[in-house]
Protein backbone atom coordinates (compact mmCIF):
# COMPACT_ATOMS: atom_id res chain seq x y z
CA UNK A 1 122.62 100.35 90.98
CA UNK A 2 122.50 99.01 94.09
CA UNK A 3 120.61 100.50 97.22
CA UNK A 4 123.78 101.27 98.96
CA UNK A 5 125.17 103.32 95.99
CA UNK A 6 122.07 105.20 96.33
CA UNK A 7 121.76 105.59 100.07
CA UNK A 8 125.75 106.76 99.97
CA UNK A 9 124.71 109.50 97.12
CA UNK A 10 121.46 110.80 99.17
CA UNK A 11 123.66 111.00 102.42
CA UNK A 12 125.81 113.53 100.06
CA UNK A 13 122.96 115.40 98.36
CA UNK A 14 120.24 115.74 100.91
CA UNK A 15 122.27 118.03 103.21
CA UNK A 16 123.45 120.61 100.63
CA UNK A 17 121.50 124.20 101.05
CA UNK A 18 120.06 123.67 97.31
CA UNK A 19 118.58 119.95 97.25
CA UNK A 20 115.03 120.89 98.10
CA UNK A 21 114.96 124.21 95.82
CA UNK A 22 112.83 122.52 93.30
CA UNK A 23 109.49 120.61 94.02
CA UNK A 24 109.99 116.88 93.74
CA UNK A 25 106.96 114.30 93.28
CA UNK A 26 106.88 110.87 92.79
CA UNK A 27 105.23 107.99 91.74
CA UNK A 28 104.90 104.33 93.00
CA UNK A 29 103.61 101.01 92.21
CA UNK A 30 102.07 97.78 93.36
CA UNK A 31 102.08 95.42 90.57
CA UNK A 32 104.88 92.84 89.89
CA UNK A 33 104.05 92.57 86.41
CA UNK A 34 102.85 89.25 84.29
CA UNK A 35 103.74 85.88 86.07
CA UNK A 36 107.18 84.71 86.20
CA UNK A 37 108.65 88.03 84.74
CA UNK A 38 111.76 89.49 86.01
CA UNK A 39 109.58 92.05 87.81
CA UNK A 40 107.43 89.28 89.34
CA UNK A 41 110.40 87.28 90.64
CA UNK A 42 111.40 90.56 92.29
CA UNK A 43 107.70 91.52 93.61
CA UNK A 44 108.03 88.38 95.51
CA UNK A 45 111.58 88.67 97.22
CA UNK A 46 110.44 92.04 98.27
CA UNK A 47 107.32 91.24 99.51
CA UNK A 48 108.38 91.04 102.96
CA UNK A 49 109.50 94.13 103.08
CA UNK A 50 106.32 96.05 101.78
CA UNK A 51 104.42 96.88 98.78
CA UNK A 52 106.27 97.22 95.69
CA UNK A 53 106.26 97.32 92.02
CA UNK A 54 109.07 94.29 91.43
CA UNK A 55 111.75 96.56 91.89
CA UNK A 56 111.33 99.20 94.35
CA UNK A 57 109.15 99.35 97.81
CA UNK A 58 106.63 101.92 97.85
CA UNK A 59 108.39 103.40 101.01
CA UNK A 60 111.88 103.36 99.10
CA UNK A 61 110.24 105.29 96.17
CA UNK A 62 109.26 108.32 98.61
CA UNK A 63 111.51 110.92 98.25
CA UNK A 64 112.01 112.72 101.58
CA UNK A 65 111.09 116.31 101.30
CA UNK A 66 109.08 115.44 97.80
CA UNK A 67 105.30 114.69 97.16
CA UNK A 68 103.97 111.75 96.73
CA UNK A 69 101.21 111.92 94.09
CA UNK A 70 99.86 108.51 93.67
CA UNK A 71 100.59 105.09 94.65
CA UNK A 72 98.76 102.66 91.79
CA UNK A 73 98.51 99.43 89.98
CA UNK A 74 101.89 99.91 88.25
CA UNK A 75 104.54 97.47 88.13
CA UNK A 76 108.44 98.96 87.61
CA UNK A 77 108.13 98.90 83.66
CA UNK A 78 104.73 100.21 82.91
CA UNK A 79 105.28 103.34 85.60
CA UNK A 80 108.02 104.76 83.51
CA UNK A 81 105.29 104.58 80.46
CA UNK A 82 102.38 106.81 79.32
CA UNK A 83 100.47 104.85 81.30
CA UNK A 84 100.79 107.21 84.34
CA UNK A 85 100.61 110.52 82.28
CA UNK A 86 96.67 111.29 83.24
CA UNK A 87 97.87 110.85 87.13
CA UNK A 88 100.41 113.72 87.30
CA UNK A 89 99.00 115.63 83.97
CA UNK A 90 97.41 118.19 86.42
CA UNK A 91 100.54 118.73 88.20
CA UNK A 92 102.25 119.81 84.71
CA UNK A 93 99.45 122.56 84.26
CA UNK A 94 99.79 123.36 88.08
CA UNK A 95 96.61 122.71 88.82
CA UNK A 96 96.27 120.32 91.62
CA UNK A 97 92.82 119.32 91.99
CA UNK A 98 93.77 115.70 93.99
CA UNK A 99 95.40 115.32 97.20
CA UNK A 100 99.00 114.21 97.51
CA UNK A 101 101.38 114.00 100.18
CA UNK A 102 104.41 115.60 101.39
CA UNK A 103 107.10 113.11 102.73
CA UNK A 104 108.91 114.14 105.85
CA UNK A 105 112.32 113.86 106.31
CA UNK A 106 113.03 110.43 108.29
CA UNK A 107 115.35 107.73 108.77
CA UNK A 108 115.43 104.52 106.88
CA UNK A 109 113.29 101.77 108.41
CA UNK A 110 114.87 98.64 109.79
CA UNK A 111 115.16 95.65 107.64
CA UNK A 112 112.73 92.95 108.13
CA UNK A 113 112.59 89.42 106.39
CA UNK A 114 110.39 86.61 106.39
CA UNK A 115 112.12 84.30 103.87
CA UNK A 116 114.78 81.67 103.72
CA UNK A 117 117.02 81.84 100.63
CA UNK A 118 119.17 78.77 99.94
CA UNK A 119 121.06 77.06 97.13
CA UNK A 120 123.39 74.61 95.68
CA UNK A 121 124.26 71.54 93.49
CA UNK A 122 121.54 68.82 93.03
CA UNK A 123 123.08 65.25 92.41
CA UNK A 124 121.77 62.68 89.86
CA UNK A 125 119.10 61.09 91.08
CA UNK A 126 117.15 61.33 94.14
CA UNK A 127 118.44 64.82 96.07
CA UNK A 128 116.71 65.93 99.30
CA UNK A 129 116.55 69.25 100.67
CA UNK A 130 115.72 70.25 104.21
CA UNK A 131 113.50 73.07 105.29
CA UNK A 132 112.82 73.97 108.57
CA UNK A 133 109.10 75.51 109.08
CA UNK A 134 108.23 76.85 112.60
CA UNK A 135 104.94 76.83 114.24
CA UNK A 136 102.31 79.77 113.65
CA UNK A 137 103.09 79.78 109.96
CA UNK A 138 99.59 80.34 108.14
CA UNK A 139 101.30 79.80 104.70
CA UNK A 140 104.60 78.66 103.04
CA UNK A 141 105.24 79.82 99.32
CA UNK A 142 108.01 77.96 97.77
CA UNK A 143 109.85 78.96 94.63
CA UNK A 144 112.46 76.49 93.46
CA UNK A 145 114.45 77.27 90.52
CA UNK A 146 116.49 74.79 88.55
CA UNK A 147 118.29 74.90 84.95
CA UNK A 148 116.47 71.47 83.68
CA UNK A 149 113.42 69.89 84.67
CA UNK A 150 113.65 67.55 87.07
CA UNK A 151 111.80 63.90 86.68
CA UNK A 152 109.75 64.17 89.74
CA UNK A 153 109.55 66.50 92.87
CA UNK A 154 107.67 65.90 96.38
CA UNK A 155 107.45 67.44 99.12
CA UNK A 156 107.34 65.53 102.77
CA UNK A 157 106.13 66.63 105.94
CA UNK A 158 107.78 66.20 109.33
CA UNK A 159 105.67 62.64 109.93
CA UNK A 160 107.17 61.46 106.81
CA UNK A 161 104.06 61.46 104.48
CA UNK A 162 104.27 62.96 101.09
CA UNK A 163 102.68 66.26 100.82
CA UNK A 164 99.76 66.54 98.07
CA UNK A 165 101.17 69.79 97.18
CA UNK A 166 101.40 70.15 93.27
CA UNK A 167 104.35 72.09 91.64
CA UNK A 168 103.53 74.96 88.93
CA UNK A 169 107.01 74.68 86.63
CA UNK A 170 107.53 77.60 84.07
CA UNK A 171 110.26 78.63 82.04
CA UNK A 172 111.72 82.20 82.68
CA UNK A 173 112.35 83.97 79.41
CA UNK A 174 113.45 87.11 81.14
CA UNK A 175 115.80 88.79 83.89
CA UNK A 176 118.47 87.61 85.76
CA UNK A 177 117.37 83.90 85.71
CA UNK A 178 116.67 83.81 81.73
CA UNK A 179 116.25 80.47 80.79
CA UNK A 180 116.32 78.72 84.15
CA UNK A 181 113.03 76.46 85.31
CA UNK A 182 110.92 78.23 88.22
CA UNK A 183 108.85 75.52 90.01
CA UNK A 184 106.28 76.97 92.75
CA UNK A 185 103.93 75.28 95.27
CA UNK A 186 101.90 76.65 98.11
CA UNK A 187 101.10 74.97 101.70
CA UNK A 188 98.49 76.11 103.67
CA UNK A 189 99.05 75.92 107.34
CA UNK A 190 102.15 73.80 107.09
CA UNK A 191 102.93 71.00 110.01
CA UNK A 192 105.81 72.63 111.88
CA UNK A 193 108.91 70.95 111.57
CA UNK A 194 111.22 69.74 109.25
CA UNK A 195 110.15 69.21 105.60
CA UNK A 196 112.24 67.71 102.96
CA UNK A 197 111.85 68.59 99.32
CA UNK A 198 112.82 65.65 97.55
CA UNK A 199 113.93 66.07 93.87
CA UNK A 200 114.66 63.35 91.40
CA UNK A 201 116.87 64.95 88.43
CA UNK A 202 118.00 63.22 85.37
CA UNK A 203 121.47 64.83 85.28
CA UNK A 204 123.70 66.61 87.93
CA UNK A 205 122.26 70.41 87.91
CA UNK A 206 121.88 73.23 90.45
CA UNK A 207 119.23 75.14 92.09
CA UNK A 208 117.87 77.70 94.04
CA UNK A 209 115.43 78.06 96.67
CA UNK A 210 113.10 80.86 98.07
CA UNK A 211 111.08 80.18 100.84
CA UNK A 212 108.51 82.69 102.11
CA UNK A 213 106.85 82.31 105.54
CA UNK A 214 103.37 84.17 106.49
CA UNK A 215 103.49 84.64 109.74
CA UNK A 216 103.15 87.52 112.14
CA UNK A 217 106.44 86.91 113.68
CA UNK A 218 109.27 88.94 111.37
CA UNK A 219 113.21 89.66 112.01
CA UNK A 220 113.90 92.91 112.59
CA UNK A 221 117.69 94.28 111.68
CA UNK A 222 119.16 97.72 112.74
CA UNK A 223 122.14 98.18 110.78
CA UNK A 224 124.58 101.19 111.80
CA UNK A 225 128.14 101.78 109.92
CA UNK A 226 130.40 104.20 112.66
CA UNK A 227 132.15 106.99 110.58
CA UNK A 228 135.10 106.36 111.09
CA UNK A 229 138.92 105.13 109.74
CA UNK A 230 137.92 101.50 111.54
CA UNK A 231 135.02 101.29 109.26
CA UNK A 232 132.78 99.51 111.47
CA UNK A 233 129.48 98.11 110.61
CA UNK A 234 127.24 96.99 113.43
CA UNK A 235 124.24 95.04 113.14
CA UNK A 236 121.36 94.54 116.15
CA UNK A 237 119.07 92.06 115.37
CA UNK A 238 115.71 91.95 117.17
CA UNK A 239 113.34 88.56 117.35
CA UNK A 240 110.73 86.98 119.33
CA UNK A 241 112.24 83.85 118.81
CA UNK A 242 115.67 82.31 120.12
CA UNK A 243 118.55 82.89 117.86
CA UNK A 244 121.01 80.20 118.39
CA UNK A 245 123.23 80.85 114.89
CA UNK A 246 123.61 83.70 113.03
CA UNK A 247 126.32 83.94 109.39
CA UNK A 248 127.27 86.89 108.03
CA UNK A 249 128.51 86.31 104.57
CA UNK A 250 130.51 89.74 103.23
CA UNK A 251 131.75 90.33 99.63
CA UNK A 252 133.13 93.18 98.07
CA UNK A 253 130.73 93.94 95.09
CA UNK A 254 133.15 94.21 92.00
CA UNK A 255 135.46 91.67 93.40
CA UNK A 256 134.10 88.43 94.66
CA UNK A 257 136.71 86.89 95.55
CA UNK A 258 137.09 88.85 98.75
CA UNK A 259 134.25 87.36 100.57
CA UNK A 260 134.32 86.79 104.57
CA UNK A 261 132.39 85.08 107.04
CA UNK A 262 130.95 86.28 110.70
CA UNK A 263 129.69 83.58 112.40
CA UNK A 264 127.81 84.67 115.92
CA UNK A 265 126.70 82.28 118.31
CA UNK A 266 123.15 83.26 120.27
CA UNK A 267 124.77 87.02 120.30
CA UNK A 268 121.76 89.44 118.34
CA UNK A 269 124.75 92.13 117.96
CA UNK A 270 127.57 91.61 115.47
CA UNK A 271 130.48 94.15 114.64
CA UNK A 272 132.10 93.74 111.18
CA UNK A 273 135.55 95.59 110.04
CA UNK A 274 134.88 96.43 106.60
CA UNK A 275 138.21 96.94 104.59
CA UNK A 276 137.98 99.59 101.87
CA UNK A 277 136.54 103.06 102.07
CA UNK A 278 134.37 103.84 98.84
CA UNK A 279 133.79 100.44 98.33
CA UNK A 280 129.95 98.48 98.12
CA UNK A 281 129.76 95.27 100.02
CA UNK A 282 127.05 92.95 99.80
CA UNK A 283 125.55 91.73 103.23
CA UNK A 284 123.97 87.77 103.30
CA UNK A 285 122.58 86.91 106.81
CA UNK A 286 121.68 83.47 107.63
CA UNK A 287 119.98 83.07 110.92
CA UNK A 288 119.17 79.49 112.52
CA UNK A 289 117.10 79.48 116.12
CA UNK A 290 114.09 77.89 117.74
CA UNK A 291 110.65 79.18 118.77
CA UNK A 292 109.52 79.26 122.20
CA UNK A 293 107.85 76.06 121.47
CA UNK A 294 111.15 74.42 120.31
CA UNK A 295 110.34 74.64 116.63
CA UNK A 296 113.52 75.29 114.42
CA UNK A 297 113.43 78.14 112.27
CA UNK A 298 115.53 79.80 109.34
CA UNK A 299 116.00 83.12 107.60
CA UNK A 300 117.81 85.09 105.07
CA UNK A 301 117.89 88.69 105.12
CA UNK A 302 120.38 90.25 102.07
CA UNK A 303 121.11 93.67 101.46
CA UNK A 304 124.17 96.33 100.23
CA UNK A 305 126.36 98.36 102.17
CA UNK A 306 128.22 101.38 100.80
CA UNK A 307 131.29 102.58 102.85
CA UNK A 308 131.55 105.94 102.66
CA UNK A 309 135.11 107.73 102.11
CA UNK A 310 136.85 110.48 104.24
CA UNK A 311 135.66 113.23 101.98
CA UNK A 312 132.18 112.14 103.10
CA UNK A 313 132.37 112.26 106.25
């Protein structure tokens, strides 16, 4: 299940005359489940896109033309169990004694992100990862995953001083990152500039880093797929900051070897030619730039795109 596949499915079903012949009711959750579970990591990633249950955002759970029964403190696993039965019991009995909201048929919201995702190899001994932190960041949440427990980890601020943030390390027992080790740390009002995460490894290792920046300046991304034989995908970036460099990595979902990169210098618009109809692509967008005060920033947006076939026009 990928968002692009479901979006393509909806494009086919919504225009049908009987699409909303029946009444549809939805529930949405805002809990991420237990700490360091698979839904918890999903919730952390989706937090930049709004309230979510660790797998689906509240906005995405709403069915245009359907009725939202309630939004509650449920995660994606618990919401489908009997825990929610009392909430929709009256609907089954056709006794609608509490307020619900009919959802209008609207367009998909623009993508927004305040996260930076990065990964790679760790050398044996001490290795450093450079992290850009712009001004006006109220909090920086760091989530580092490694396959082995490092000897030590420390943060060095732009002035060269070691930051006293403490990492909380926990083994991951389920989900995509099962058997990896998660290391979490938070910095309140970090000094803007280039930070360094120094990791001392016993042996060569690999890492995945996901930083979440709490700031009032998210990046908006408009997407448009032109429905013609050229299979054009166009992105339009909107930012209060100056974007200097953007890299689009497009990978065919079922054939990762089919990967293309598109680099954009100081241009907020990018047109991408996709090669195959009826194909889902994963798109990773890496953004680099500077703020008005001259501080560097980095962001990452990840999404999936489904290219419709000729009969879906």
